[in-house]
Amino acid sequence: MDCVRASALLLALLPVAVSAQDSRTKQVDALFADYAKPQTPGCAVGVMEEGKPVYSRGYGLASLELGVPIHPARTVLDVGSLAKPFTAMSVLLLEQDGKLSLDDSIRKHVFGLPAVFQPVTLRHLLHHTGGAGDYTPELVFGGIGMEDVAGADDVMRLLARRTSLTAPPGTRYEYSNTGYFLLGRAVESVSGKTLPAFVRERIFLPMGMEHSRYFESRTAVIPGRASSYSPDGKGGYALVSSNWEMYGDSSVMSTADDMLLWAAGLHAGTVGGAELTAALQTRGKLNDGTQIKAARSVVIDTYRGRPIAVSTGAWAGFIANQLRFPDDAFAVITLCNRSDSDVDGIGRKVADIYLADRLLPVTTDTSRATGPAPSVIGTYANLQEGAVGTVSAKDDGIWFSDGRFTSGRLAAVGKDRYQIGDTPSRVGFGWDGSTPRSATLFVDDFVVEMVPVKAPSLTTAELSEYAGEYTSHAIDAEAALVVQDGRLAYTGRRVPPIPFAPIAPDAFVGPGDSIIHFSRNASGEVAGFTFAMQRVGRISFDRLKAAP
C-alpha cells in the first residue's frame, strides 16, 4: 500500500507530458509551477502551432480526495462559457442549412417568452446586445443555490415574468448568459434535437472530440471528470459543486486535448468551411453603427500587434480560457479546476513563449511607472449599473480594482486613461479642475461611468430604517433585510444572510461589489430597492412592511 501511495504522490508532483521537452515547454512548466504543488488542484494546458496540436500537459490534481493527477487527454473539466462558441456555431450551421435567419426574433423559435422579447433577434443575442440580462443571480436570489437541482424550466419560468429588458436591443454590449441559454433553446426548436445531440453530431464527432459532452444530468457518470475547488481562506481548498442542468450558455465538459482539436478544426474549417469560422469571428455592431469587439461568442482584439480571438469561462470552481491567434494558426487552451487560476494572463504568457519572434516588443514608458495623480484615490460607483471601482495606493503605484473581474496597477496609455495591470481593461478619469469627477471603466465592449462616492456612517437605528420584508415580482420571491452585527444583511428563502455595507446615501455594497440601492416614496419612506451587479443585471424589490 505504501508503494502505491508513493507512486501516486510522485505522479501528482510530476506534470503529465504528451510531448517531448524543449526549451519552450520548460518555460511553460515554470509558468505552471504553482499549479503542480502537492495536494493542489491545477490546470491542463494545450498548444496549437501551425494549425496542429503540438503540446499538452497536466499540472496538479484532478481530485484532491483521490490524489488523481490532471491529464490533458483524459481529465474532463467543465469549460464554463467556452460552451458558448458551440452554441453560436450551432446557430450558424442552421443558418447555413437555410432553417433560420439571424434576424429572426427569438420569440419565433422559443415559445413562452413574453412580448418584451419580440424585438430581440438571434443576432443580438449572439453579440450580447439583446438586453437579456443574466438568469444566474435571479435564480440564486430566488432561493435556488448552485448545489440545488435546477434546469431549463426554472429559467423559462423566470423569463416568462420579464416586463423589461436591461437595455433596448442593439444599444449596448452587456454579457448575457440568458442570451446564450435562449440561443440553445432556439437550436433545439429548429433542429428538432436536443442541443447536446445536435452539437455531438454536427461538431464534436466531425472534429474528433471524443471526450467532450454536455452536463445534462447531475446523476450522469462522466469518466475522467475532475472535481473543482476554491480557496478556503485557511491556506487550503474547499470543494465546489453545482447541480444546475441547463445549457446553451455553459455545461460543456471537455479535455485540453479535445479543445485543441476544436481550435484546429476552426482553423481548418472542418465544420461548415472557412466561411463558418469567419462568421463566428465576425464582430457585432450597435444600432448607431459602432463596431464592438464582441463577435459571435468570442472577443476579437489584438495582443502585442497580433489579432486574437478570446473566450473565457468560469463556473463552480472551474475556469477556462481559449486564446487563438487566427492569422498565426496558433492557440493556447487552459482548463483549470481551481477558481483562483489566472487563465487569461497565463495563456498570454504561453503565447509570449511560442510567438516570441512575431509579437511586438513590450515597450518601456517612463510615464507608465508614475500612474495617475494621488488625487484619484477613492471609491467610485454607478449605483444603477451595480459597478464599483476602488482606487488605492500601494508600494508600487496607484491600483484600481472593480471587486470582481479587474485589478491591477494603473499605467498611462493616453491623457487621463490608464491600463489596469496586465489586463486589456482600462479606466479613464474625468476632472472638474483638479478634482476627479468620474472614473469610466472599459472592459472589452462594456463601458460604465462611475462617480466618486463617500460611505455615510450609520447608527444601528439608521440601519433599521431599511430593515423589513420585500418582494420581487421579477423572480417571484420574498426577501428580508435585517440588521446583524451592525451591518445590513439580505436573506431570503434558502439564501443565507449576505452582508452589505454603506457606500453612498441609500446605497450599500456587498460581495462582488454588488449594490443594493433604495428608493423612497413621496413621504420619504423606504419603498423598495434594486439589486444590481456589474455586467449581470438588476432585480427590483418592493417593500411589504418595515421591521417591527
Protein backbone atom coordinates (compact mmCIF):
# COMPACT_ATOMS: atom_id res chain seq x y z
CA MET A 1 0.00 0.00 0.00
CA ASP A 2 2.86 2.41 0.87
CA CYS A 3 4.39 1.80 -2.56
CA VAL A 4 1.07 2.58 -4.22
CA ARG A 5 0.73 5.80 -2.25
CA ALA A 6 4.28 6.80 -3.04
CA SER A 7 3.71 6.20 -6.74
CA ALA A 8 0.51 8.22 -6.68
CA LEU A 9 2.27 11.08 -4.91
CA LEU A 10 5.09 11.02 -7.44
CA LEU A 11 2.60 11.21 -10.30
CA ALA A 12 0.84 14.12 -8.65
CA LEU A 13 4.10 16.04 -8.31
CA LEU A 14 5.23 15.43 -11.87
CA PRO A 15 3.43 17.10 -14.79
CA VAL A 16 1.88 14.67 -17.25
CA ALA A 17 3.63 15.13 -20.58
CA VAL A 18 2.47 14.04 -24.01
CA SER A 19 5.15 15.84 -25.99
CA ALA A 20 8.95 15.94 -25.91
CA GLN A 21 10.60 18.57 -23.73
CA ASP A 22 12.29 21.53 -25.35
CA SER A 23 13.28 24.97 -24.16
CA ARG A 24 9.79 26.33 -24.72
CA THR A 25 7.98 23.62 -22.80
CA LYS A 26 10.36 24.07 -19.89
CA GLN A 27 9.36 27.73 -19.82
CA VAL A 28 5.70 26.70 -19.83
CA ASP A 29 6.38 24.32 -16.94
CA ALA A 30 7.84 27.24 -14.99
CA LEU A 31 4.66 29.27 -15.56
CA PHE A 32 2.56 26.46 -14.08
CA ALA A 33 4.90 25.64 -11.18
CA ASP A 34 2.42 26.89 -8.57
CA TYR A 35 -0.25 24.60 -10.05
CA ALA A 36 1.92 21.49 -9.71
CA LYS A 37 2.50 21.69 -5.97
CA PRO A 38 1.48 18.75 -3.74
CA GLN A 39 -2.20 18.49 -2.80
CA THR A 40 -3.14 21.32 -5.15
CA PRO A 41 -5.79 21.43 -7.85
CA GLY A 42 -4.38 22.67 -11.12
CA CYS A 43 -4.70 23.00 -14.87
CA ALA A 44 -4.38 21.28 -18.20
CA VAL A 45 -2.72 23.30 -20.96
CA GLY A 46 -2.57 22.70 -24.68
CA VAL A 47 -0.81 24.47 -27.55
CA MET A 48 -1.68 24.52 -31.24
CA GLU A 49 1.02 25.62 -33.68
CA GLU A 50 0.70 25.92 -37.46
CA GLY A 51 -2.88 24.69 -37.13
CA LYS A 52 -1.99 21.44 -35.36
CA PRO A 53 -1.90 20.37 -31.69
CA VAL A 54 1.78 20.20 -30.74
CA TYR A 55 1.90 20.13 -26.97
CA SER A 56 -0.29 19.41 -23.96
CA ARG A 57 0.39 18.80 -20.30
CA GLY A 58 -1.37 18.47 -16.96
CA TYR A 59 -0.38 20.10 -13.67
CA GLY A 60 -1.78 19.40 -10.21
CA LEU A 61 -4.62 17.14 -9.15
CA ALA A 62 -7.98 16.41 -10.73
CA SER A 63 -9.15 15.11 -7.35
CA LEU A 64 -7.63 16.10 -4.03
CA GLU A 65 -9.59 13.33 -2.36
CA LEU A 66 -8.25 10.55 -4.58
CA GLY A 67 -4.87 12.03 -5.49
CA VAL A 68 -5.54 11.66 -9.22
CA PRO A 69 -3.31 13.89 -11.40
CA ILE A 70 -4.69 16.04 -14.21
CA HIS A 71 -4.05 14.55 -17.65
CA PRO A 72 -4.60 16.66 -20.80
CA ALA A 73 -6.20 13.80 -22.75
CA ARG A 74 -8.16 12.04 -20.03
CA THR A 75 -9.20 14.63 -17.43
CA VAL A 76 -12.64 16.09 -18.21
CA LEU A 77 -13.30 19.60 -16.86
CA ASP A 78 -16.24 21.99 -17.07
CA VAL A 79 -15.25 24.69 -19.58
CA GLY A 80 -17.87 27.21 -18.41
CA SER A 81 -18.65 29.83 -21.03
CA LEU A 82 -16.34 28.17 -23.55
CA ALA A 83 -19.59 26.32 -24.26
CA LYS A 84 -20.97 29.45 -25.91
CA PRO A 85 -18.95 29.06 -29.16
CA PHE A 86 -20.54 25.62 -29.65
CA THR A 87 -23.99 27.20 -29.31
CA ALA A 88 -23.04 30.01 -31.68
CA MET A 89 -21.67 27.56 -34.25
CA SER A 90 -24.89 25.52 -33.99
CA VAL A 91 -26.94 28.62 -34.81
CA LEU A 92 -24.66 29.43 -37.74
CA LEU A 93 -24.88 25.85 -39.03
CA LEU A 94 -28.68 26.10 -39.02
CA GLU A 95 -28.38 29.40 -40.88
CA GLN A 96 -26.19 27.62 -43.46
CA ASP A 97 -28.87 24.93 -43.68
CA GLY A 98 -31.43 27.64 -44.51
CA LYS A 99 -33.51 26.84 -41.43
CA LEU A 100 -33.30 30.21 -39.70
CA SER A 101 -32.19 33.81 -40.13
CA LEU A 102 -30.04 35.67 -37.66
CA ASP A 103 -32.57 38.49 -37.88
CA ASP A 104 -35.39 36.27 -36.64
CA SER A 105 -36.95 37.31 -33.35
CA ILE A 106 -36.00 34.92 -30.57
CA ARG A 107 -39.73 34.53 -29.93
CA LYS A 108 -40.10 32.87 -33.34
CA HIS A 109 -38.09 29.90 -32.14
CA VAL A 110 -38.51 29.91 -28.35
CA PHE A 111 -42.07 29.64 -27.11
CA GLY A 112 -43.20 31.02 -23.77
CA LEU A 113 -41.28 34.29 -23.90
CA PRO A 114 -43.24 37.49 -23.11
CA ALA A 115 -43.77 40.25 -25.68
CA VAL A 116 -40.85 42.28 -24.29
CA PHE A 117 -38.52 39.86 -26.15
CA GLN A 118 -40.16 40.47 -29.58
CA PRO A 119 -37.53 42.99 -30.82
CA VAL A 120 -34.66 40.76 -29.65
CA THR A 121 -33.10 38.88 -32.57
CA LEU A 122 -30.74 35.91 -32.74
CA ARG A 123 -28.08 38.34 -33.98
CA HIS A 124 -28.50 40.50 -30.89
CA LEU A 125 -28.08 37.52 -28.60
CA LEU A 126 -25.02 36.21 -30.45
CA HIS A 127 -23.26 39.54 -29.82
CA HIS A 128 -24.56 40.07 -26.24
CA THR A 129 -26.54 43.15 -27.30
CA GLY A 130 -30.07 41.82 -26.68
CA GLY A 131 -30.58 43.28 -23.19
CA ALA A 132 -31.49 39.80 -21.93
CA GLY A 133 -29.64 40.09 -18.62
CA ASP A 134 -28.39 37.14 -16.60
CA TYR A 135 -30.58 34.48 -15.03
CA THR A 136 -27.88 33.30 -12.59
CA PRO A 137 -28.36 35.88 -9.80
CA GLU A 138 -32.11 35.78 -10.37
CA LEU A 139 -32.17 32.07 -9.57
CA VAL A 140 -29.87 32.48 -6.57
CA PHE A 141 -31.83 35.39 -5.07
CA GLY A 142 -34.99 33.44 -5.79
CA GLY A 143 -33.76 30.69 -3.49
CA ILE A 144 -32.05 28.26 -5.89
CA GLY A 145 -28.40 27.76 -4.96
CA MET A 146 -25.75 26.16 -7.16
CA GLU A 147 -26.00 22.90 -5.25
CA ASP A 148 -29.77 22.77 -5.72
CA VAL A 149 -31.21 20.94 -8.70
CA ALA A 150 -32.23 23.42 -11.41
CA GLY A 151 -32.78 23.28 -15.15
CA ALA A 152 -34.21 24.96 -18.22
CA ASP A 153 -37.77 25.04 -16.87
CA ASP A 154 -36.62 27.14 -13.91
CA VAL A 155 -35.02 29.68 -16.26
CA MET A 156 -38.06 29.82 -18.53
CA ARG A 157 -40.33 30.47 -15.55
CA LEU A 158 -38.16 33.47 -14.68
CA LEU A 159 -38.15 34.78 -18.23
CA ALA A 160 -41.92 34.44 -18.54
CA ARG A 161 -42.21 37.10 -15.82
CA ARG A 162 -39.98 39.65 -17.57
CA THR A 163 -41.59 43.03 -18.18
CA SER A 164 -38.48 44.87 -19.36
CA LEU A 165 -35.01 44.36 -20.83
CA THR A 166 -31.78 45.63 -19.30
CA ALA A 167 -31.32 47.87 -22.37
CA PRO A 168 -33.07 48.34 -25.74
CA PRO A 169 -31.78 45.68 -28.17
CA GLY A 170 -28.73 46.77 -30.13
CA THR A 171 -27.91 49.80 -27.97
CA ARG A 172 -25.19 48.40 -25.71
CA TYR A 173 -22.98 45.38 -25.08
CA GLU A 174 -23.89 43.52 -21.90
CA TYR A 175 -22.59 39.99 -21.39
CA SER A 176 -25.57 37.67 -21.11
CA ASN A 177 -25.83 34.05 -20.05
CA THR A 178 -29.57 34.30 -20.61
CA GLY A 179 -29.00 35.17 -24.27
CA TYR A 180 -26.98 32.04 -24.97
CA PHE A 181 -29.37 29.87 -22.98
CA LEU A 182 -32.13 31.13 -25.31
CA LEU A 183 -29.98 30.50 -28.39
CA GLY A 184 -29.58 26.91 -27.23
CA ARG A 185 -33.37 26.62 -26.94
CA ALA A 186 -33.70 28.01 -30.47
CA VAL A 187 -31.30 25.36 -31.81
CA GLU A 188 -33.47 22.67 -30.23
CA SER A 189 -36.68 24.14 -31.62
CA VAL A 190 -35.34 24.47 -35.18
CA SER A 191 -33.36 21.24 -35.37
CA GLY A 192 -35.80 19.01 -33.52
CA LYS A 193 -32.91 17.65 -31.43
CA THR A 194 -31.53 18.47 -28.03
CA LEU A 195 -28.62 20.87 -28.13
CA PRO A 196 -26.23 18.19 -26.78
CA ALA A 197 -27.32 15.78 -29.51
CA PHE A 198 -27.01 18.42 -32.24
CA VAL A 199 -23.55 19.54 -31.11
CA ARG A 200 -22.30 15.98 -30.79
CA GLU A 201 -23.49 15.08 -34.31
CA ARG A 202 -22.50 18.28 -36.12
CA ILE A 203 -19.42 19.46 -34.16
CA PHE A 204 -17.90 17.07 -31.61
CA LEU A 205 -17.78 13.95 -33.82
CA PRO A 206 -16.57 15.66 -37.04
CA MET A 207 -13.78 17.32 -35.04
CA GLY A 208 -12.81 14.10 -33.25
CA MET A 209 -13.73 15.44 -29.80
CA GLU A 210 -14.50 12.03 -28.33
CA HIS A 211 -14.18 13.03 -24.67
CA SER A 212 -16.47 16.07 -24.88
CA ARG A 213 -20.07 16.06 -23.72
CA TYR A 214 -22.72 18.15 -22.01
CA PHE A 215 -23.57 18.04 -18.34
CA GLU A 216 -27.20 17.04 -18.84
CA SER A 217 -27.86 15.27 -15.55
CA ARG A 218 -26.33 15.50 -12.10
CA THR A 219 -26.58 11.69 -11.89
CA ALA A 220 -24.56 11.03 -15.06
CA VAL A 221 -21.33 9.09 -14.72
CA ILE A 222 -18.63 11.05 -16.60
CA PRO A 223 -15.37 9.09 -16.94
CA GLY A 224 -12.32 11.16 -16.05
CA ARG A 225 -14.35 14.01 -14.58
CA ALA A 226 -12.37 16.34 -12.32
CA SER A 227 -13.63 17.87 -9.10
CA SER A 228 -13.43 21.64 -8.66
CA TYR A 229 -12.18 23.78 -5.80
CA SER A 230 -11.93 27.29 -4.38
CA PRO A 231 -9.51 28.64 -1.76
CA ASP A 232 -10.91 28.05 1.74
CA GLY A 233 -9.24 31.08 3.31
CA LYS A 234 -7.10 28.83 5.50
CA GLY A 235 -4.34 28.02 3.05
CA GLY A 236 -6.18 25.06 1.51
CA TYR A 237 -9.07 24.40 -0.84
CA ALA A 238 -12.77 23.70 -0.46
CA LEU A 239 -14.80 21.50 -2.78
CA VAL A 240 -17.27 23.31 -5.05
CA SER A 241 -20.18 21.74 -6.88
CA SER A 242 -23.24 22.61 -8.94
CA ASN A 243 -26.35 20.64 -9.86
CA TRP A 244 -27.66 23.07 -12.47
CA GLU A 245 -28.55 21.19 -15.65
CA MET A 246 -29.40 23.98 -18.13
CA TYR A 247 -27.14 24.56 -21.12
CA GLY A 248 -26.52 26.77 -24.13
CA ASP A 249 -24.54 29.26 -22.10
CA SER A 250 -22.48 26.60 -20.31
CA SER A 251 -22.37 22.91 -19.23
CA VAL A 252 -19.85 21.52 -21.73
CA MET A 253 -17.34 19.07 -20.25
CA SER A 254 -14.12 18.57 -22.19
CA THR A 255 -10.39 17.89 -22.08
CA ALA A 256 -7.49 20.11 -23.07
CA ASP A 257 -6.69 17.80 -25.99
CA ASP A 258 -10.28 17.91 -27.24
CA MET A 259 -10.34 21.70 -27.04
CA LEU A 260 -7.13 21.75 -29.07
CA LEU A 261 -8.96 19.71 -31.71
CA TRP A 262 -11.70 22.36 -31.63
CA ALA A 263 -9.14 25.13 -32.22
CA ALA A 264 -7.52 23.13 -35.04
CA GLY A 265 -10.93 22.44 -36.56
CA LEU A 266 -11.77 26.14 -36.58
CA HIS A 267 -8.51 26.88 -38.36
CA ALA A 268 -9.08 24.15 -40.94
CA GLY A 269 -12.78 24.88 -41.41
CA THR A 270 -13.60 21.26 -40.57
CA VAL A 271 -17.21 22.14 -39.76
CA GLY A 272 -19.03 24.49 -42.11
CA GLY A 273 -15.93 25.51 -44.03
CA ALA A 274 -13.78 28.61 -43.70
CA GLU A 275 -16.84 30.80 -44.11
CA LEU A 276 -18.37 29.44 -40.89
CA THR A 277 -15.19 30.15 -38.91
CA ALA A 278 -15.20 33.66 -40.38
CA ALA A 279 -18.85 34.08 -39.40
CA LEU A 280 -18.07 33.00 -35.84
CA GLN A 281 -15.38 35.69 -35.69
CA THR A 282 -17.50 38.49 -37.21
CA ARG A 283 -17.68 41.45 -34.83
CA GLY A 284 -21.02 42.96 -33.96
CA LYS A 285 -22.35 46.45 -34.46
CA LEU A 286 -24.64 48.55 -32.32
CA ASN A 287 -27.66 50.32 -33.78
CA ASP A 288 -25.63 53.52 -34.19
CA GLY A 289 -23.05 51.70 -36.31
CA THR A 290 -20.42 51.38 -33.57
CA GLN A 291 -18.41 48.21 -34.11
CA ILE A 292 -17.81 46.24 -30.94
CA LYS A 293 -15.17 43.66 -30.06
CA ALA A 294 -17.78 41.01 -29.32
CA ALA A 295 -18.07 38.58 -32.21
CA ARG A 296 -20.35 35.56 -32.05
CA SER A 297 -19.36 34.11 -28.66
CA VAL A 298 -15.72 35.29 -28.82
CA VAL A 299 -13.98 38.62 -28.32
CA ILE A 300 -11.88 39.87 -31.22
CA ASP A 301 -8.97 42.02 -30.12
CA THR A 302 -5.23 42.45 -30.57
CA TYR A 303 -2.34 41.36 -28.40
CA ARG A 304 1.13 42.80 -28.93
CA GLY A 305 0.25 43.67 -32.51
CA ARG A 306 -1.42 40.36 -33.49
CA PRO A 307 -5.19 39.71 -33.90
CA ILE A 308 -6.64 37.39 -31.27
CA ALA A 309 -9.97 35.64 -30.63
CA VAL A 310 -10.58 35.02 -26.92
CA SER A 311 -13.12 33.00 -24.94
CA THR A 312 -13.11 32.70 -21.15
CA GLY A 313 -15.40 30.75 -18.87
CA ALA A 314 -15.85 30.17 -15.15
CA TRP A 315 -18.35 28.08 -13.23
CA ALA A 316 -18.44 26.39 -9.82
CA GLY A 317 -14.69 26.41 -9.25
CA PHE A 318 -13.76 25.60 -12.85
CA ILE A 319 -12.17 28.29 -15.03
CA ALA A 320 -11.09 28.05 -18.66
CA ASN A 321 -9.61 30.11 -21.47
CA GLN A 322 -9.10 29.67 -25.18
CA LEU A 323 -6.71 32.18 -26.76
CA ARG A 324 -6.45 31.92 -30.55
CA PHE A 325 -4.26 33.87 -32.98
CA PRO A 326 -6.20 33.27 -36.23
CA ASP A 327 -3.59 34.79 -38.55
CA ASP A 328 -0.82 32.75 -36.93
CA ALA A 329 -2.63 29.40 -36.80
CA PHE A 330 -1.78 29.37 -33.10
CA ALA A 331 -3.83 28.73 -29.96
CA VAL A 332 -3.45 28.14 -26.22
CA ILE A 333 -6.02 26.19 -24.22
CA THR A 334 -6.04 26.49 -20.42
CA LEU A 335 -8.54 24.48 -18.36
CA CYS A 336 -8.33 24.61 -14.54
CA ASN A 337 -10.21 23.16 -11.59
CA ARG A 338 -9.38 25.92 -9.11
CA SER A 339 -11.25 29.20 -9.09
CA ASP A 340 -8.20 31.35 -8.34
CA SER A 341 -6.48 30.50 -11.64
CA ASP A 342 -5.37 33.39 -13.86
CA VAL A 343 -6.18 31.59 -17.10
CA ASP A 344 -6.21 34.69 -19.29
CA GLY A 345 -2.89 36.01 -18.02
CA ILE A 346 -1.09 32.67 -18.09
CA GLY A 347 -2.43 31.88 -21.57
CA ARG A 348 -0.91 35.09 -22.88
CA LYS A 349 2.39 34.26 -21.23
CA VAL A 350 2.40 30.89 -23.02
CA ALA A 351 1.79 32.77 -26.28
CA ASP A 352 4.71 35.07 -25.43
CA ILE A 353 6.96 31.99 -25.33
CA TYR A 354 5.82 30.39 -28.58
CA LEU A 355 5.31 33.57 -30.62
CA ALA A 356 8.34 35.47 -29.35
CA ASP A 357 9.54 36.18 -32.90
CA ARG A 358 6.15 37.51 -34.09
CA LEU A 359 4.83 39.63 -31.23
CA LEU A 360 5.66 43.29 -30.93
CA PRO A 361 8.07 44.03 -28.08
CA VAL A 362 6.71 45.28 -24.78
CA THR A 363 7.74 48.92 -24.70
CA THR A 364 9.01 50.67 -21.62
CA ASP A 365 7.37 54.05 -20.98
CA THR A 366 8.63 56.08 -18.04
CA SER A 367 5.23 57.77 -17.76
CA ARG A 368 3.64 54.39 -17.08
CA ALA A 369 5.58 53.97 -13.85
CA THR A 370 4.07 57.06 -12.22
CA GLY A 371 0.41 56.31 -12.94
CA PRO A 372 -2.26 58.91 -12.18
CA ALA A 373 -2.11 61.65 -9.56
CA PRO A 374 -2.87 60.56 -5.98
CA SER A 375 -5.96 62.77 -6.04
CA VAL A 376 -7.84 59.99 -7.90
CA ILE A 377 -7.63 57.74 -4.84
CA GLY A 378 -11.08 56.90 -3.52
CA THR A 379 -14.24 54.91 -4.27
CA TYR A 380 -16.33 55.33 -7.42
CA ALA A 381 -19.70 53.79 -8.18
CA ASN A 382 -22.58 53.62 -10.61
CA LEU A 383 -25.50 52.74 -8.36
CA GLN A 384 -27.86 51.94 -11.22
CA GLU A 385 -25.47 49.59 -13.03
CA GLY A 386 -24.07 47.91 -9.94
CA ALA A 387 -20.49 48.93 -10.66
CA VAL A 388 -17.90 49.87 -8.04
CA GLY A 389 -14.27 50.83 -8.51
CA THR A 390 -11.71 51.40 -5.79
CA VAL A 391 -8.53 53.36 -6.47
CA SER A 392 -5.85 52.91 -3.83
CA ALA A 393 -2.16 53.48 -3.25
CA LYS A 394 0.25 50.57 -2.93
CA ASP A 395 4.01 50.34 -2.70
CA ASP A 396 4.41 50.05 -6.48
CA GLY A 397 1.92 52.73 -7.51
CA ILE A 398 -1.79 53.54 -7.85
CA TRP A 399 -4.08 50.50 -8.20
CA PHE A 400 -7.65 50.03 -9.45
CA SER A 401 -9.99 47.17 -8.54
CA ASP A 402 -13.61 46.62 -9.51
CA GLY A 403 -14.10 43.89 -6.91
CA ARG A 404 -14.98 41.21 -9.45
CA PHE A 405 -13.01 40.88 -12.67
CA THR A 406 -10.32 43.53 -12.90
CA SER A 407 -7.48 44.57 -10.64
CA GLY A 408 -4.01 45.98 -11.22
CA ARG A 409 -1.59 48.86 -11.15
CA LEU A 410 -2.57 51.82 -13.33
CA ALA A 411 -0.22 52.66 -16.18
CA ALA A 412 -0.74 55.60 -18.53
CA VAL A 413 -1.79 54.82 -22.12
CA GLY A 414 -3.10 58.28 -23.00
CA LYS A 415 -4.30 61.51 -21.48
CA ASP A 416 -6.15 60.61 -18.27
CA ARG A 417 -6.52 56.99 -19.43
CA TYR A 418 -4.75 54.04 -17.83
CA GLN A 419 -4.32 50.33 -18.42
CA ILE A 420 -5.23 48.18 -15.42
CA GLY A 421 -2.31 45.87 -14.66
CA ASP A 422 -1.68 43.18 -17.28
CA THR A 423 -5.34 43.10 -18.29
CA PRO A 424 -6.72 44.64 -21.51
CA SER A 425 -9.11 46.71 -19.36
CA ARG A 426 -8.70 50.44 -18.93
CA VAL A 427 -10.02 53.25 -16.78
CA GLY A 428 -10.28 56.93 -17.65
CA PHE A 429 -10.76 59.86 -15.28
CA GLY A 430 -12.81 62.99 -15.83
CA TRP A 431 -11.98 66.19 -13.97
CA ASP A 432 -13.52 69.33 -12.53
CA GLY A 433 -10.37 71.38 -12.26
CA SER A 434 -8.09 69.33 -10.01
CA THR A 435 -10.93 67.24 -8.54
CA PRO A 436 -11.84 63.88 -10.10
CA ARG A 437 -15.40 63.97 -11.46
CA SER A 438 -15.71 60.41 -12.79
CA ALA A 439 -13.96 57.14 -13.50
CA THR A 440 -15.02 55.30 -16.65
CA LEU A 441 -14.24 51.60 -16.84
CA PHE A 442 -13.64 49.98 -20.24
CA VAL A 443 -13.74 46.15 -20.22
CA ASP A 444 -13.90 44.86 -23.81
CA ASP A 445 -17.14 46.48 -25.05
CA PHE A 446 -18.58 47.01 -21.59
CA VAL A 447 -18.31 50.68 -20.64
CA VAL A 448 -19.61 52.15 -17.39
CA GLU A 449 -19.12 55.60 -15.94
CA MET A 450 -18.82 55.87 -12.16
CA VAL A 451 -18.78 58.92 -9.91
CA PRO A 452 -16.97 59.47 -6.62
CA VAL A 453 -18.95 58.27 -3.60
CA LYS A 454 -18.45 58.53 0.13
CA ALA A 455 -19.86 56.00 2.55
CA PRO A 456 -22.05 57.50 5.28
CA SER A 457 -21.59 56.41 8.88
CA LEU A 458 -24.90 54.89 10.02
CA THR A 459 -26.04 54.01 13.50
CA THR A 460 -27.98 50.83 14.25
CA ALA A 461 -31.16 52.88 14.39
CA GLU A 462 -30.44 54.39 10.97
CA LEU A 463 -29.71 50.95 9.50
CA SER A 464 -33.02 49.70 10.92
CA GLU A 465 -34.82 52.16 8.66
CA TYR A 466 -34.02 49.84 5.75
CA ALA A 467 -34.90 46.59 7.51
CA GLY A 468 -38.12 44.84 6.65
CA GLU A 469 -39.81 42.42 4.27
CA TYR A 470 -39.61 42.86 0.50
CA THR A 471 -40.95 41.07 -2.57
CA SER A 472 -39.80 40.82 -6.19
CA HIS A 473 -42.25 40.12 -8.99
CA ALA A 474 -39.37 39.54 -11.41
CA ILE A 475 -38.08 36.46 -9.56
CA ASP A 476 -41.27 35.55 -7.68
CA ALA A 477 -39.51 35.65 -4.34
CA GLU A 478 -39.68 37.35 -0.98
CA ALA A 479 -36.69 38.56 0.99
CA ALA A 480 -35.87 40.22 4.27
CA LEU A 481 -33.32 42.83 5.19
CA VAL A 482 -32.12 42.60 8.77
CA VAL A 483 -29.53 44.34 10.90
CA GLN A 484 -26.83 41.92 12.09
CA ASP A 485 -23.64 42.83 13.92
CA GLY A 486 -24.00 46.47 12.98
CA ARG A 487 -24.48 45.76 9.24
CA LEU A 488 -27.43 45.38 6.91
CA ALA A 489 -27.90 41.81 5.65
CA TYR A 490 -30.02 40.34 2.85
CA THR A 491 -31.68 36.99 3.47
CA GLY A 492 -34.31 35.03 1.59
CA ARG A 493 -35.69 31.58 1.00
CA ARG A 494 -32.68 29.25 1.20
CA VAL A 495 -30.38 32.29 0.93
CA PRO A 496 -28.04 32.70 3.93
CA PRO A 497 -27.50 36.25 5.23
CA ILE A 498 -25.44 38.34 2.81
CA PRO A 499 -23.85 41.40 4.47
CA PHE A 500 -23.95 44.83 2.83
CA ALA A 501 -22.05 47.94 3.94
CA PRO A 502 -22.91 51.60 3.25
CA ILE A 503 -21.28 53.04 0.14
CA ALA A 504 -23.43 56.13 -0.53
CA PRO A 505 -26.67 57.65 0.79
CA ASP A 506 -29.41 54.96 0.46
CA ALA A 507 -26.91 52.57 -1.13
CA PHE A 508 -25.00 49.55 0.17
CA VAL A 509 -22.28 47.37 -1.33
CA GLY A 510 -21.98 43.59 -0.89
CA PRO A 511 -19.99 40.61 -2.21
CA GLY A 512 -18.59 41.02 -5.71
CA ASP A 513 -19.28 44.77 -5.40
CA SER A 514 -22.98 44.12 -5.84
CA ILE A 515 -25.14 47.09 -4.88
CA ILE A 516 -28.46 47.49 -3.12
CA HIS A 517 -29.88 50.94 -3.92
CA PHE A 518 -33.01 52.04 -2.09
CA SER A 519 -35.87 54.18 -3.40
CA ARG A 520 -38.24 56.32 -1.32
CA ASN A 521 -41.84 57.40 -1.72
CA ALA A 522 -43.19 60.96 -1.65
CA SER A 523 -43.21 60.88 2.13
CA GLY A 524 -39.53 59.99 2.24
CA GLU A 525 -40.13 56.44 3.45
CA VAL A 526 -38.17 53.50 2.05
CA ALA A 527 -40.34 52.00 -0.70
CA GLY A 528 -38.08 49.34 -2.19
CA PHE A 529 -34.64 48.61 -3.56
CA THR A 530 -32.84 47.47 -6.69
CA PHE A 531 -30.14 44.83 -6.55
CA ALA A 532 -27.55 45.45 -9.28
CA MET A 533 -24.23 43.88 -10.21
CA GLN A 534 -21.75 44.85 -12.91
CA ARG A 535 -22.42 43.02 -16.20
CA VAL A 536 -25.13 40.90 -14.54
CA GLY A 537 -28.31 42.94 -14.40
CA ARG A 538 -30.82 44.35 -11.95
CA ILE A 539 -33.58 42.90 -9.78
CA SER A 540 -36.25 45.17 -8.29
CA PHE A 541 -37.86 44.59 -4.88
CA ASP A 542 -40.91 46.35 -3.37
CA ARG A 543 -41.28 46.78 0.36
CA LEU A 544 -44.06 44.81 2.02
CA LYS A 545 -43.60 46.07 5.56
CA ALA A 546 -40.99 47.56 7.81
CA ALA A 547 -39.27 45.60 10.55
CA PRO A 548 -41.13 45.79 13.88
